[in-house]
PDB file of N, CA and C in Angstrom:
ATOM      1  N   ILE A   1       0.116 -39.885  32.275  1.00  0.00           N
ATOM      2  CA  ILE A   1       0.915 -39.397  33.090  1.00  0.00           C
ATOM      3  C   ILE A   1       2.536 -40.412  32.738  1.00  0.00           C
ATOM      4  N   LEU A   2       2.570 -41.771  32.344  1.00  0.00           N
ATOM      5  CA  LEU A   2       3.749 -42.497  32.039  1.00  0.00           C
ATOM      6  C   LEU A   2       3.691 -42.038  30.470  1.00  0.00           C
ATOM      7  N   MET A   3       2.755 -41.618  29.723  1.00  0.00           N
ATOM      8  CA  MET A   3       3.465 -41.354  28.598  1.00  0.00           C
ATOM      9  C   MET A   3       3.833 -40.108  28.844  1.00  0.00           C
ATOM     10  N   MET A   4       3.788 -39.288  29.559  1.00  0.00           N
ATOM     11  CA  MET A   4       4.945 -37.724  29.444  1.00  0.00           C
ATOM     12  C   MET A   4       6.365 -38.497  29.717  1.00  0.00           C
ATOM     13  N   LEU A   5       5.976 -39.112  31.372  1.00  0.00           N
ATOM     14  CA  LEU A   5       7.861 -39.927  31.591  1.00  0.00           C
ATOM     15  C   LEU A   5       8.455 -40.555  30.409  1.00  0.00           C
ATOM     16  N   LEU A   6       7.909 -41.187  30.198  1.00  0.00           N
ATOM     17  CA  LEU A   6       8.616 -41.693  28.660  1.00  0.00           C
ATOM     18  C   LEU A   6       8.927 -40.741  27.205  1.00  0.00           C
ATOM     19  N   ALA A   7       8.305 -40.016  27.256  1.00  0.00           N
ATOM     20  CA  ALA A   7       8.071 -39.345  26.576  1.00  0.00           C
ATOM     21  C   ALA A   7       9.657 -37.647  26.872  1.00  0.00           C
ATOM     22  N   CYS A   8       9.608 -38.185  27.827  1.00  0.00           N
ATOM     23  CA  CYS A   8      10.602 -36.917  28.441  1.00  0.00           C
ATOM     24  C   CYS A   8      12.262 -38.416  28.693  1.00  0.00           C
ATOM     25  N   THR A   9      11.661 -38.907  29.271  1.00  0.00           N
ATOM     26  CA  THR A   9      13.071 -39.886  29.260  1.00  0.00           C
ATOM     27  C   THR A   9      13.863 -40.392  27.582  1.00  0.00           C
ATOM     28  N   GLN A  10      13.443 -40.094  26.719  1.00  0.00           N
ATOM     29  CA  GLN A  10      13.383 -40.029  25.139  1.00  0.00           C
ATOM     30  C   GLN A  10      13.729 -38.864  25.294  1.00  0.00           C
ATOM     31  N   ILE A  11      13.479 -38.024  25.032  1.00  0.00           N
ATOM     32  CA  ILE A  11      14.217 -36.493  24.726  1.00  0.00           C
ATOM     33  C   ILE A  11      15.800 -36.616  25.952  1.00  0.00           C
ATOM     34  N   HIS A  12      15.296 -37.107  27.114  1.00  0.00           N
ATOM     35  CA  HIS A  12      16.738 -36.517  27.718  1.00  0.00           C
ATOM     36  C   HIS A  12      17.752 -37.611  27.245  1.00  0.00           C
ATOM     37  N   ALA A  13      17.507 -38.961  26.999  1.00  0.00           N
ATOM     38  CA  ALA A  13      18.083 -39.829  26.503  1.00  0.00           C
ATOM     39  C   ALA A  13      18.864 -39.324  24.872  1.00  0.00           C
ATOM     40  N   ALA A  14      18.373 -38.412  24.244  1.00  0.00           N
ATOM     41  CA  ALA A  14      18.640 -37.920  22.712  1.00  0.00           C
ATOM     42  C   ALA A  14      19.407 -36.944  23.008  1.00  0.00           C
ATOM     43  N   THR A  15      19.547 -35.830  24.328  1.00  0.00           N
ATOM     44  CA  THR A  15      20.593 -34.870  24.229  1.00  0.00           C
ATOM     45  C   THR A  15      22.104 -34.964  23.932  1.00  0.00           C
ATOM     46  N   VAL A  16      22.752 -34.086  23.164  1.00  0.00           N
ATOM     47  CA  VAL A  16      24.401 -34.559  22.160  1.00  0.00           C
ATOM     48  C   VAL A  16      24.368 -33.401  22.986  1.00  0.00           C
ATOM     49  N   LYS A  17      25.836 -33.717  22.966  1.00  0.00           N
ATOM     50  CA  LYS A  17      26.713 -32.441  24.069  1.00  0.00           C
ATOM     51  C   LYS A  17      27.452 -31.574  22.827  1.00  0.00           C
ATOM     52  N   ALA A  18      27.652 -30.593  22.838  1.00  0.00           N
ATOM     53  CA  ALA A  18      28.312 -29.605  21.882  1.00  0.00           C
ATOM     54  C   ALA A  18      29.933 -30.100  21.433  1.00  0.00           C
ATOM     55  N   PRO A  19      30.177 -30.308  20.906  1.00  0.00           N
ATOM     56  CA  PRO A  19      31.558 -30.647  20.554  1.00  0.00           C
ATOM     57  C   PRO A  19      32.676 -29.689  21.261  1.00  0.00           C
ATOM     58  N   ALA A  20      34.255 -31.090  21.392  1.00  0.00           N
ATOM     59  CA  ALA A  20      35.033 -29.971  22.085  1.00  0.00           C
ATOM     60  C   ALA A  20      36.047 -29.792  21.342  1.00  0.00           C
ATOM     61  N   ASN A  21      37.063 -28.846  22.002  1.00  0.00           N
ATOM     62  CA  ASN A  21      38.553 -29.080  21.512  1.00  0.00           C
ATOM     63  C   ASN A  21      38.346 -29.075  19.865  1.00  0.00           C
ATOM     64  N   ILE A  22      38.309 -27.302  19.678  1.00  0.00           N
ATOM     65  CA  ILE A  22      37.699 -26.948  18.103  1.00  0.00           C
ATOM     66  C   ILE A  22      39.210 -26.666  17.888  1.00  0.00           C
ATOM     67  N   LYS A  23      39.643 -26.977  16.449  1.00  0.00           N
ATOM     68  CA  LYS A  23      41.263 -26.678  16.020  1.00  0.00           C
ATOM     69  C   LYS A  23      40.691 -26.390  14.727  1.00  0.00           C
ATOM     70  N   VAL A  24      41.166 -24.616  14.946  1.00  0.00           N
ATOM     71  CA  VAL A  24      40.892 -24.175  13.366  1.00  0.00           C
ATOM     72  C   VAL A  24      42.451 -23.468  12.826  1.00  0.00           C
ATOM     73  N   THR A  25      42.616 -24.286  11.684  1.00  0.00           N
ATOM     74  CA  THR A  25      43.782 -23.854  11.081  1.00  0.00           C
ATOM     75  C   THR A  25      44.095 -23.384   9.582  1.00  0.00           C
ATOM     76  N   ALA A  26      44.931 -22.604   9.174  1.00  0.00           N
ATOM     77  CA  ALA A  26      44.912 -21.937   8.156  1.00  0.00           C
ATOM     78  C   ALA A  26      46.100 -22.637   7.021  1.00  0.00           C
ATOM     79  N   SER A  27      45.954 -23.193   5.740  1.00  0.00           N
ATOM     80  CA  SER A  27      46.738 -23.536   5.208  1.00  0.00           C
ATOM     81  C   SER A  27      47.390 -22.374   3.757  1.00  0.00           C
ATOM     82  N   LYS A  28      48.414 -22.431   3.183  1.00  0.00           N
ATOM     83  CA  LYS A  28      48.910 -21.907   2.396  1.00  0.00           C
ATOM     84  C   LYS A  28      47.758 -21.248   1.126  1.00  0.00           C
ATOM     85  N   LYS A  29      47.287 -22.194   0.892  1.00  0.00           N
ATOM     86  CA  LYS A  29      46.323 -22.476  -0.348  1.00  0.00           C
ATOM     87  C   LYS A  29      44.560 -21.514  -0.306  1.00  0.00           C
ATOM     88  N   ALA A  30      44.907 -21.048   0.438  1.00  0.00           N
ATOM     89  CA  ALA A  30      43.193 -20.357   1.079  1.00  0.00           C
ATOM     90  C   ALA A  30      42.158 -21.519   1.379  1.00  0.00           C
ATOM     91  N   SER A  31      42.697 -22.429   2.692  1.00  0.00           N
ATOM     92  CA  SER A  31      41.698 -22.967   3.105  1.00  0.00           C
ATOM     93  C   SER A  31      42.025 -23.112   4.402  1.00  0.00           C
ATOM     94  N   ILE A  32      40.491 -23.573   5.113  1.00  0.00           N
ATOM     95  CA  ILE A  32      40.657 -23.398   6.182  1.00  0.00           C
ATOM     96  C   ILE A  32      40.381 -25.566   7.038  1.00  0.00           C
ATOM     97  N   SER A  33      41.376 -25.539   7.836  1.00  0.00           N
ATOM     98  CA  SER A  33      41.385 -27.111   8.312  1.00  0.00           C
ATOM     99  C   SER A  33      40.219 -26.969   9.820  1.00  0.00           C
ATOM    100  N   ILE A  34      39.403 -27.590   9.911  1.00  0.00           N
ATOM    101  CA  ILE A  34      38.401 -27.557  11.423  1.00  0.00           C
ATOM    102  C   ILE A  34      38.479 -28.633  11.812  1.00  0.00           C
ATOM    103  N   LYS A  35      38.809 -28.926  13.031  1.00  0.00           N
ATOM    104  CA  LYS A  35      38.675 -30.322  13.728  1.00  0.00           C
ATOM    105  C   LYS A  35      38.427 -29.930  15.175  1.00  0.00           C
ATOM    106  N   TRP A  36      37.583 -31.213  15.607  1.00  0.00           N
ATOM    107  CA  TRP A  36      36.565 -31.597  16.961  1.00  0.00           C
ATOM    108  C   TRP A  36      37.035 -32.717  17.408  1.00  0.00           C
ATOM    109  N   SER A  37      36.763 -32.781  18.609  1.00  0.00           N
ATOM    110  CA  SER A  37      36.533 -34.120  19.655  1.00  0.00           C
ATOM    111  C   SER A  37      35.309 -34.977  19.196  1.00  0.00           C
ATOM    112  N   LYS A  38      35.487 -36.419  18.921  1.00  0.00           N
ATOM    113  CA  LYS A  38      33.937 -36.703  18.754  1.00  0.00           C
ATOM    114  C   LYS A  38      33.322 -37.116  19.835  1.00  0.00           C
ATOM    115  N   VAL A  39      32.132 -36.905  19.176  1.00  0.00           N
ATOM    116  CA  VAL A  39      30.520 -36.343  20.983  1.00  0.00           C
ATOM    117  C   VAL A  39      30.302 -37.864  20.418  1.00  0.00           C
ATOM    118  N   SER A  40      29.985 -38.314  21.385  1.00  0.00           N
ATOM    119  CA  SER A  40      29.907 -40.159  21.620  1.00  0.00           C
ATOM    120  C   SER A  40      28.284 -40.373  21.244  1.00  0.00           C
ATOM    121  N   ASN A  41      27.542 -39.717  20.987  1.00  0.00           N
ATOM    122  CA  ASN A  41      26.138 -40.381  20.967  1.00  0.00           C
ATOM    123  C   ASN A  41      25.238 -39.554  19.766  1.00  0.00           C
ATOM    124  N   ALA A  42      26.715 -38.567  18.917  1.00  0.00           N
ATOM    125  CA  ALA A  42      26.112 -38.096  17.753  1.00  0.00           C
ATOM    126  C   ALA A  42      25.822 -39.133  16.498  1.00  0.00           C
ATOM    127  N   SER A  43      25.105 -38.573  15.585  1.00  0.00           N
ATOM    128  CA  SER A  43      25.032 -39.032  14.135  1.00  0.00           C
ATOM    129  C   SER A  43      25.810 -38.529  13.013  1.00  0.00           C
ATOM    130  N   GLY A  44      26.066 -37.146  13.630  1.00  0.00           N
ATOM    131  CA  GLY A  44      26.635 -36.701  12.133  1.00  0.00           C
ATOM    132  C   GLY A  44      27.009 -35.109  13.220  1.00  0.00           C
ATOM    133  N   TYR A  45      27.539 -33.946  12.295  1.00  0.00           N
ATOM    134  CA  TYR A  45      28.361 -32.689  12.716  1.00  0.00           C
ATOM    135  C   TYR A  45      27.702 -31.137  11.350  1.00  0.00           C
ATOM    136  N   GLU A  46      27.181 -30.342  12.044  1.00  0.00           N
ATOM    137  CA  GLU A  46      26.986 -29.386  11.211  1.00  0.00           C
ATOM    138  C   GLU A  46      28.489 -28.177  11.428  1.00  0.00           C
ATOM    139  N   ILE A  47      28.815 -27.736  10.218  1.00  0.00           N
ATOM    140  CA  ILE A  47      29.601 -26.956  10.083  1.00  0.00           C
ATOM    141  C   ILE A  47      28.848 -25.314  10.007  1.00  0.00           C
ATOM    142  N   TRP A  48      29.136 -24.131  10.508  1.00  0.00           N
ATOM    143  CA  TRP A  48      28.449 -22.998  10.475  1.00  0.00           C
ATOM    144  C   TRP A  48      29.617 -21.483  10.363  1.00  0.00           C
ATOM    145  N   ARG A  49      29.776 -21.233   9.022  1.00  0.00           N
ATOM    146  CA  ARG A  49      30.471 -19.905   9.426  1.00  0.00           C
ATOM    147  C   ARG A  49      30.158 -18.343   9.391  1.00  0.00           C
ATOM    148  N   ALA A  50      30.394 -17.732   9.976  1.00  0.00           N
ATOM    149  CA  ALA A  50      30.238 -15.802   9.539  1.00  0.00           C
ATOM    150  C   ALA A  50      31.339 -15.172   9.462  1.00  0.00           C
ATOM    151  N   ASN A  51      31.431 -13.763   8.573  1.00  0.00           N
ATOM    152  CA  ASN A  51      33.017 -12.906   8.393  1.00  0.00           C
ATOM    153  C   ASN A  51      32.689 -12.410   9.882  1.00  0.00           C
ATOM    154  N   SER A  52      31.979 -12.204  10.839  1.00  0.00           N
ATOM    155  CA  SER A  52      32.430 -11.384  11.751  1.00  0.00           C
ATOM    156  C   SER A  52      32.027 -12.445  13.311  1.00  0.00           C
ATOM    157  N   ALA A  53      32.016 -12.246  14.367  1.00  0.00           N
ATOM    158  CA  ALA A  53      31.734 -12.861  15.741  1.00  0.00           C
ATOM    159  C   ALA A  53      29.937 -12.939  15.925  1.00  0.00           C
ATOM    160  N   LYS A  54      29.832 -11.863  15.855  1.00  0.00           N
ATOM    161  CA  LYS A  54      28.099 -12.070  15.728  1.00  0.00           C
ATOM    162  C   LYS A  54      27.027 -11.566  14.676  1.00  0.00           C
ATOM    163  N   GLY A  55      27.561 -11.852  13.760  1.00  0.00           N
ATOM    164  CA  GLY A  55      27.568 -11.623  12.067  1.00  0.00           C
ATOM    165  C   GLY A  55      26.337 -12.816  12.271  1.00  0.00           C
ATOM    166  N   ASN A  56      25.904 -13.059  10.624  1.00  0.00           N
ATOM    167  CA  ASN A  56      25.010 -14.130  10.401  1.00  0.00           C
ATOM    168  C   ASN A  56      25.868 -15.449   9.665  1.00  0.00           C
ATOM    169  N   TYR A  57      25.685 -16.478  10.845  1.00  0.00           N
ATOM    170  CA  TYR A  57      26.283 -17.805  10.339  1.00  0.00           C
ATOM    171  C   TYR A  57      25.296 -18.247   9.285  1.00  0.00           C
ATOM    172  N   SER A  58      26.016 -19.220   8.547  1.00  0.00           N
ATOM    173  CA  SER A  58      25.661 -20.279   7.402  1.00  0.00           C
ATOM    174  C   SER A  58      26.336 -21.404   7.844  1.00  0.00           C
ATOM    175  N   LYS A  59      25.111 -22.242   7.444  1.00  0.00           N
ATOM    176  CA  LYS A  59      25.285 -23.967   7.383  1.00  0.00           C
ATOM    177  C   LYS A  59      26.269 -23.994   5.978  1.00  0.00           C
ATOM    178  N   ILE A  60      27.636 -24.276   6.542  1.00  0.00           N
ATOM    179  CA  ILE A  60      28.436 -24.997   5.011  1.00  0.00           C
ATOM    180  C   ILE A  60      28.773 -26.391   5.112  1.00  0.00           C
ATOM    181  N   LYS A  61      28.420 -27.060   6.153  1.00  0.00           N
ATOM    182  CA  LYS A  61      28.601 -28.656   5.807  1.00  0.00           C
ATOM    183  C   LYS A  61      27.910 -29.062   6.515  1.00  0.00           C
ATOM    184  N   THR A  62      27.434 -30.556   6.047  1.00  0.00           N
ATOM    185  CA  THR A  62      26.451 -31.435   6.799  1.00  0.00           C
ATOM    186  C   THR A  62      27.399 -32.668   6.658  1.00  0.00           C
ATOM    187  N   ILE A  63      27.428 -33.315   7.900  1.00  0.00           N
ATOM    188  CA  ILE A  63      28.303 -33.953   7.537  1.00  0.00           C
ATOM    189  C   ILE A  63      27.676 -35.199   8.585  1.00  0.00           C
ATOM    190  N   LYS A  64      27.481 -36.576   7.595  1.00  0.00           N
ATOM    191  CA  LYS A  64      26.715 -37.484   8.001  1.00  0.00           C
ATOM    192  C   LYS A  64      26.975 -38.794   8.582  1.00  0.00           C
ATOM    193  N   THR A  65      28.190 -38.554   9.265  1.00  0.00           N
ATOM    194  CA  THR A  65      28.652 -39.641  10.048  1.00  0.00           C
ATOM    195  C   THR A  65      29.119 -39.732  11.564  1.00  0.00           C
ATOM    196  N   LYS A  66      29.353 -40.072  12.353  1.00  0.00           N
ATOM    197  CA  LYS A  66      29.435 -39.746  13.586  1.00  0.00           C
ATOM    198  C   LYS A  66      31.047 -40.150  13.676  1.00  0.00           C
ATOM    199  N   ASN A  67      31.983 -40.551  12.341  1.00  0.00           N
ATOM    200  CA  ASN A  67      33.292 -40.715  12.944  1.00  0.00           C
ATOM    201  C   ASN A  67      34.291 -39.487  12.075  1.00  0.00           C
ATOM    202  N   THR A  68      33.363 -39.108  11.267  1.00  0.00           N
ATOM    203  CA  THR A  68      34.286 -37.827  10.636  1.00  0.00           C
ATOM    204  C   THR A  68      33.688 -36.564  12.147  1.00  0.00           C
ATOM    205  N   THR A  69      35.072 -36.187  12.315  1.00  0.00           N
ATOM    206  CA  THR A  69      35.653 -35.055  12.633  1.00  0.00           C
ATOM    207  C   THR A  69      36.735 -33.525  12.604  1.00  0.00           C
ATOM    208  N   SER A  70      36.638 -33.888  11.141  1.00  0.00           N
ATOM    209  CA  SER A  70      37.413 -32.960  10.509  1.00  0.00           C
ATOM    210  C   SER A  70      36.318 -32.437   9.129  1.00  0.00           C
ATOM    211  N   TYR A  71      36.711 -30.970   8.862  1.00  0.00           N
ATOM    212  CA  TYR A  71      36.569 -30.106   7.652  1.00  0.00           C
ATOM    213  C   TYR A  71      37.474 -29.537   6.918  1.00  0.00           C
ATOM    214  N   ALA A  72      37.666 -29.437   5.721  1.00  0.00           N
ATOM    215  CA  ALA A  72      38.116 -28.438   4.901  1.00  0.00           C
ATOM    216  C   ALA A  72      37.745 -27.519   4.495  1.00  0.00           C
ATOM    217  N   ASN A  73      37.318 -26.484   4.935  1.00  0.00           N
ATOM    218  CA  ASN A  73      37.115 -25.444   3.699  1.00  0.00           C
ATOM    219  C   ASN A  73      37.673 -24.506   3.214  1.00  0.00           C
ATOM    220  N   LYS A  74      37.782 -24.675   1.722  1.00  0.00           N
ATOM    221  CA  LYS A  74      38.385 -24.200   0.466  1.00  0.00           C
ATOM    222  C   LYS A  74      38.040 -23.404  -0.005  1.00  0.00           C
ATOM    223  N   LYS A  75      38.816 -22.550  -0.924  1.00  0.00           N
ATOM    224  CA  LYS A  75      38.554 -21.729  -1.564  1.00  0.00           C
ATOM    225  C   LYS A  75      38.152 -20.371  -1.271  1.00  0.00           C
ATOM    226  N   LEU A  76      39.011 -19.806   0.010  1.00  0.00           N
ATOM    227  CA  LEU A  76      38.479 -18.974   0.322  1.00  0.00           C
ATOM    228  C   LEU A  76      39.186 -17.716   0.600  1.00  0.00           C
ATOM    229  N   SER A  77      38.715 -16.552   0.391  1.00  0.00           N
ATOM    230  CA  SER A  77      39.466 -14.847   0.155  1.00  0.00           C
ATOM    231  C   SER A  77      39.832 -14.576   0.872  1.00  0.00           C
ATOM    232  N   ALA A  78      40.622 -13.632   1.013  1.00  0.00           N
ATOM    233  CA  ALA A  78      41.220 -13.422   2.634  1.00  0.00           C
ATOM    234  C   ALA A  78      40.461 -12.771   3.085  1.00  0.00           C
ATOM    235  N   GLY A  79      40.639 -12.579   4.082  1.00  0.00           N
ATOM    236  CA  GLY A  79      39.653 -12.109   5.947  1.00  0.00           C
ATOM    237  C   GLY A  79      39.674 -12.797   7.430  1.00  0.00           C
ATOM    238  N   HIS A  80      38.660 -12.678   7.857  1.00  0.00           N
ATOM    239  CA  HIS A  80      38.260 -13.004   8.456  1.00  0.00           C
ATOM    240  C   HIS A  80      37.097 -14.152   8.714  1.00  0.00           C
ATOM    241  N   TYR A  81      37.133 -14.885   9.302  1.00  0.00           N
ATOM    242  CA  TYR A  81      36.311 -16.096   9.173  1.00  0.00           C
ATOM    243  C   TYR A  81      35.817 -16.825  10.493  1.00  0.00           C
ATOM    244  N   TYR A  82      34.960 -16.634  10.765  1.00  0.00           N
ATOM    245  CA  TYR A  82      34.287 -17.585  12.486  1.00  0.00           C
ATOM    246  C   TYR A  82      33.309 -18.636  12.400  1.00  0.00           C
ATOM    247  N   TYR A  83      33.818 -19.502  13.035  1.00  0.00           N
ATOM    248  CA  TYR A  83      33.319 -21.179  12.828  1.00  0.00           C
ATOM    249  C   TYR A  83      32.896 -21.672  14.060  1.00  0.00           C
ATOM    250  N   LYS A  84      32.188 -22.207  14.059  1.00  0.00           N
ATOM    251  CA  LYS A  84      31.225 -23.497  15.539  1.00  0.00           C
ATOM    252  C   LYS A  84      30.606 -24.410  14.504  1.00  0.00           C
ATOM    253  N   VAL A  85      30.841 -25.474  15.306  1.00  0.00           N
ATOM    254  CA  VAL A  85      29.710 -26.681  14.682  1.00  0.00           C
ATOM    255  C   VAL A  85      29.367 -27.621  15.991  1.00  0.00           C
ATOM    256  N   ARG A  86      27.839 -28.312  15.246  1.00  0.00           N
ATOM    257  CA  ARG A  86      27.343 -28.429  16.702  1.00  0.00           C
ATOM    258  C   ARG A  86      27.107 -30.246  15.855  1.00  0.00           C
ATOM    259  N   ALA A  87      26.663 -30.917  17.243  1.00  0.00           N
ATOM    260  CA  ALA A  87      26.447 -32.223  16.578  1.00  0.00           C
ATOM    261  C   ALA A  87      24.717 -32.795  16.360  1.00  0.00           C
ATOM    262  N   TYR A  88      24.622 -33.793  15.714  1.00  0.00           N
ATOM    263  CA  TYR A  88      23.065 -33.913  15.984  1.00  0.00           C
ATOM    264  C   TYR A  88      22.771 -35.771  16.196  1.00  0.00           C
ATOM    265  N   LYS A  89      21.859 -36.161  16.359  1.00  0.00           N
ATOM    266  CA  LYS A  89      21.375 -37.366  16.852  1.00  0.00           C
ATOM    267  C   LYS A  89      19.730 -37.273  15.980  1.00  0.00           C
ATOM    268  N   VAL A  90      20.349 -38.980  15.146  1.00  0.00           N
ATOM    269  CA  VAL A  90      19.095 -38.804  14.710  1.00  0.00           C
ATOM    270  C   VAL A  90      18.442 -39.803  15.238  1.00  0.00           C
ATOM    271  N   VAL A  91      16.613 -38.982  15.980  1.00  0.00           N
ATOM    272  CA  VAL A  91      15.835 -39.830  16.747  1.00  0.00           C
ATOM    273  C   VAL A  91      14.429 -40.529  16.007  1.00  0.00           C
ATOM    274  N   SER A  92      14.168 -41.461  15.613  1.00  0.00           N
ATOM    275  CA  SER A  92      13.005 -41.217  15.039  1.00  0.00           C
ATOM    276  C   SER A  92      12.617 -40.770  13.670  1.00  0.00           C
ATOM    277  N   GLY A  93      13.743 -40.519  12.950  1.00  0.00           N
ATOM    278  CA  GLY A  93      14.169 -40.035  11.869  1.00  0.00           C
ATOM    279  C   GLY A  93      13.807 -38.497  12.237  1.00  0.00           C
ATOM    280  N   LYS A  94      14.316 -38.072  13.308  1.00  0.00           N
ATOM    281  CA  LYS A  94      14.016 -36.582  13.292  1.00  0.00           C
ATOM    282  C   LYS A  94      15.691 -36.177  13.788  1.00  0.00           C
ATOM    283  N   LYS A  95      16.210 -35.288  13.554  1.00  0.00           N
ATOM    284  CA  LYS A  95      17.745 -34.550  13.784  1.00  0.00           C
ATOM    285  C   LYS A  95      16.843 -33.794  15.280  1.00  0.00           C
ATOM    286  N   ILE A  96      17.935 -34.439  16.605  1.00  0.00           N
ATOM    287  CA  ILE A  96      17.900 -33.526  17.633  1.00  0.00           C
ATOM    288  C   ILE A  96      19.266 -32.722  17.649  1.00  0.00           C
ATOM    289  N   TYR A  97      19.255 -31.756  17.464  1.00  0.00           N
ATOM    290  CA  TYR A  97      20.488 -30.922  17.604  1.00  0.00           C
ATOM    291  C   TYR A  97      21.228 -30.594  19.181  1.00  0.00           C
ATOM    292  N   GLY A  98      22.656 -30.772  19.055  1.00  0.00           N
ATOM    293  CA  GLY A  98      23.289 -30.451  20.775  1.00  0.00           C
ATOM    294  C   GLY A  98      23.352 -28.862  20.451  1.00  0.00           C
ATOM    295  N   LYS A  99      24.236 -28.572  21.978  1.00  0.00           N
ATOM    296  CA  LYS A  99      24.698 -26.494  21.325  1.00  0.00           C
ATOM    297  C   LYS A  99      25.845 -26.551  20.712  1.00  0.00           C
ATOM    298  N   PHE A 100      25.812 -25.097  19.847  1.00  0.00           N
ATOM    299  CA  PHE A 100      27.368 -25.057  19.455  1.00  0.00           C
ATOM    300  C   PHE A 100      28.406 -24.892  20.071  1.00  0.00           C
ATOM    301  N   SER A 101      29.832 -25.581  19.261  1.00  0.00           N
ATOM    302  CA  SER A 101      31.127 -24.936  20.067  1.00  0.00           C
ATOM    303  C   SER A 101      31.403 -23.598  20.295  1.00  0.00           C
ATOM    304  N   THR A 102      32.254 -23.634  20.836  1.00  0.00           N
ATOM    305  CA  THR A 102      32.356 -22.174  20.936  1.00  0.00           C
ATOM    306  C   THR A 102      33.253 -21.739  19.260  1.00  0.00           C
ATOM    307  N   ILE A 103      33.048 -20.527  19.839  1.00  0.00           N
ATOM    308  CA  ILE A 103      33.605 -20.098  18.259  1.00  0.00           C
ATOM    309  C   ILE A 103      34.666 -19.765  17.686  1.00  0.00           C
ATOM    310  N   LYS A 104      35.226 -20.072  16.977  1.00  0.00           N
ATOM    311  CA  LYS A 104      36.893 -20.398  16.856  1.00  0.00           C
ATOM    312  C   LYS A 104      37.092 -18.983  15.615  1.00  0.00           C
ATOM    313  N   LYS A 105      37.513 -18.057  15.871  1.00  0.00           N
ATOM    314  CA  LYS A 105      38.323 -16.777  15.020  1.00  0.00           C
ATOM    315  C   LYS A 105      39.544 -17.234  14.176  1.00  0.00           C
ATOM    316  N   ILE A 106      39.496 -16.932  13.108  1.00  0.00           N
ATOM    317  CA  ILE A 106      40.590 -17.493  12.216  1.00  0.00           C
ATOM    318  C   ILE A 106      40.893 -16.447  10.641  1.00  0.00           C
ATOM    319  N   LYS A 107      41.943 -16.099  10.751  1.00  0.00           N
ATOM    320  CA  LYS A 107      42.391 -15.316   9.339  1.00  0.00           C
ATOM    321  C   LYS A 107      43.227 -15.862   8.475  1.00  0.00           C
ATOM    322  N   ILE A 108      42.450 -15.552   7.352  1.00  0.00           N
ATOM    323  CA  ILE A 108      43.291 -15.463   6.090  1.00  0.00           C
ATOM    324  C   ILE A 108      43.649 -14.564   5.452  1.00  0.00           C
ATOM    325  N   LYS A 109      45.406 -14.922   4.967  1.00  0.00           N
ATOM    326  CA  LYS A 109      46.186 -14.006   4.212  1.00  0.00           C
ATOM    327  C   LYS A 109      45.859 -13.971   2.692  1.00  0.00           C
ATOM    328  N   LYS A 110      46.402 -13.219   2.049  1.00  0.00           N
ATOM    329  CA  LYS A 110      46.647 -13.597   0.161  1.00  0.00           C
ATOM    330  C   LYS A 110      48.180 -13.176   0.516  1.00  0.00           C
TER     331      LYS A 110
END
């Protein structure tokens, strides 16, 4: 029982919140800037992108530092893009993922 309690405590202590305050802005050079608020106990972040809200999201970037809270997605074609971010924490060599942020939609014009 003690081992089970200990395991539950470690898992609970390792929970990671979803990034908040996601801001997505487009520049004139076919690039999109994504910014979010720092997650207190995160080791890093992942940025995922799709071409439709319910489309297949692909991981486009893993940020391996907890203090980096922005990413520029460059050389994009005209169209709609959907982004979401999640934080992760490394515990005993394994990544524990938080929930995804809210999805942000943006349009690139040519």
